[in-house]
Protein backbone atom coordinates (compact mmCIF):
# COMPACT_ATOMS: atom_id res chain seq x y z
CA MET A 1 115.19 139.67 78.29
CA LEU A 2 115.75 143.40 77.03
CA GLU A 3 112.89 145.62 75.99
CA LYS A 4 112.87 149.42 75.10
CA THR A 5 110.21 151.80 73.43
CA VAL A 6 111.44 153.25 71.04
CA LEU A 7 110.22 155.96 68.46
CA VAL A 8 109.89 155.01 64.55
CA GLY A 9 111.96 157.49 62.75
CA GLY A 10 112.81 157.55 59.04
CA LYS A 11 109.94 158.85 56.36
CA GLU A 12 109.07 155.60 54.89
CA GLY A 13 108.13 154.07 58.71
CA LEU A 14 109.04 150.08 58.81
CA HIS A 15 107.52 149.34 55.27
CA ALA A 16 109.29 147.73 52.25
CA ARG A 17 112.97 148.47 52.41
CA PRO A 18 113.47 149.58 56.06
CA ALA A 19 111.40 146.59 56.97
CA ALA A 20 114.22 144.17 54.92
CA ALA A 21 117.09 145.87 56.27
CA PHE A 22 115.51 145.42 59.93
CA VAL A 23 115.18 141.86 59.05
CA LYS A 24 118.54 141.05 57.82
CA ALA A 25 120.28 143.30 61.26
CA ALA A 26 117.98 141.36 63.31
CA SER A 27 118.80 137.81 61.53
CA LYS A 28 122.45 138.46 62.34
CA PHE A 29 122.29 137.77 65.93
CA LYS A 30 121.42 134.78 68.12
CA CYS A 31 118.70 136.25 70.18
CA LYS A 32 115.07 136.29 69.51
CA VAL A 33 113.80 139.84 68.29
CA SER A 34 109.89 140.72 68.69
CA LEU A 35 108.65 143.64 68.01
CA ASN A 36 105.05 144.68 69.67
CA HIS A 37 103.31 147.93 67.77
CA LYS A 38 99.71 148.63 68.55
CA GLY A 39 99.44 145.51 71.21
CA ARG A 40 100.29 143.27 68.23
CA SER A 41 103.45 141.62 69.31
CA ILE A 42 105.44 140.24 65.88
CA ASN A 43 108.73 138.05 64.81
CA ALA A 44 111.19 140.69 63.59
CA LYS A 45 113.40 138.21 61.73
CA SER A 46 110.25 137.94 59.25
CA THR A 47 109.82 140.40 56.83
CA ILE A 48 106.16 140.08 56.10
CA ASP A 49 105.34 140.13 59.62
CA MET A 50 107.61 143.10 59.86
CA MET A 51 105.69 144.89 56.41
CA MET A 52 102.40 144.00 58.23
CA SER A 53 103.18 146.26 61.48
CA ALA A 54 102.15 148.78 59.35
CA ALA A 55 104.81 151.29 61.73
CA SER A 56 105.10 154.95 60.54
CA GLU A 57 107.06 157.22 61.33
CA GLY A 58 106.37 158.33 64.72
CA ASP A 59 104.87 155.28 66.13
CA LEU A 60 106.15 153.97 69.14
CA ILE A 61 106.98 150.46 69.45
CA ILE A 62 108.64 147.99 71.80
CA ILE A 63 111.24 145.92 70.78
CA ARG A 64 111.98 142.98 73.04
CA THR A 65 115.41 140.84 72.32
CA ASP A 66 116.32 137.78 74.30
CA GLY A 67 118.94 135.54 74.28
CA GLU A 68 122.90 135.46 74.42
CA ASP A 69 123.49 138.25 72.51
CA GLU A 70 120.71 140.47 73.60
CA GLU A 71 122.19 143.47 74.53
CA ALA A 72 124.00 144.19 70.95
CA ALA A 73 121.10 143.66 69.39
CA MET A 74 119.17 145.73 71.46
CA GLY A 75 121.73 148.75 70.45
CA GLU A 76 121.86 147.81 66.90
CA LEU A 77 117.88 147.55 66.65
CA SER A 78 116.51 150.47 68.44
CA ARG A 79 119.19 153.09 66.11
CA LEU A 80 117.97 151.12 63.05
CA ILE A 81 114.35 151.87 63.74
CA GLU A 82 114.88 155.42 65.28
CA GLY A 83 116.80 156.19 62.04
CA LYS A 84 119.97 156.44 63.89
CA ALA A 85 121.98 153.84 62.47
CA GLY A 86 125.46 154.38 61.45
CA GLN A 87 125.79 157.03 64.31
């Protein structure tokens, strides 16, 4: 299992479109993906859970990946949260 604390980037935080994009990216991986925001653990492959996290720009969240492709998932998903996708 990998765990990384990241700062939420992007003006929208993890609401609506960014949450859906994150879920789509997380769903490509076989490993389990979860986020911890303000002490609450959520399933990062669920759009509803992601939107309910209400993570805003500047919030710190913890990403956890666990499974066979956890390293690749952590790299891609942490860049996405930080607003650095494609860099």
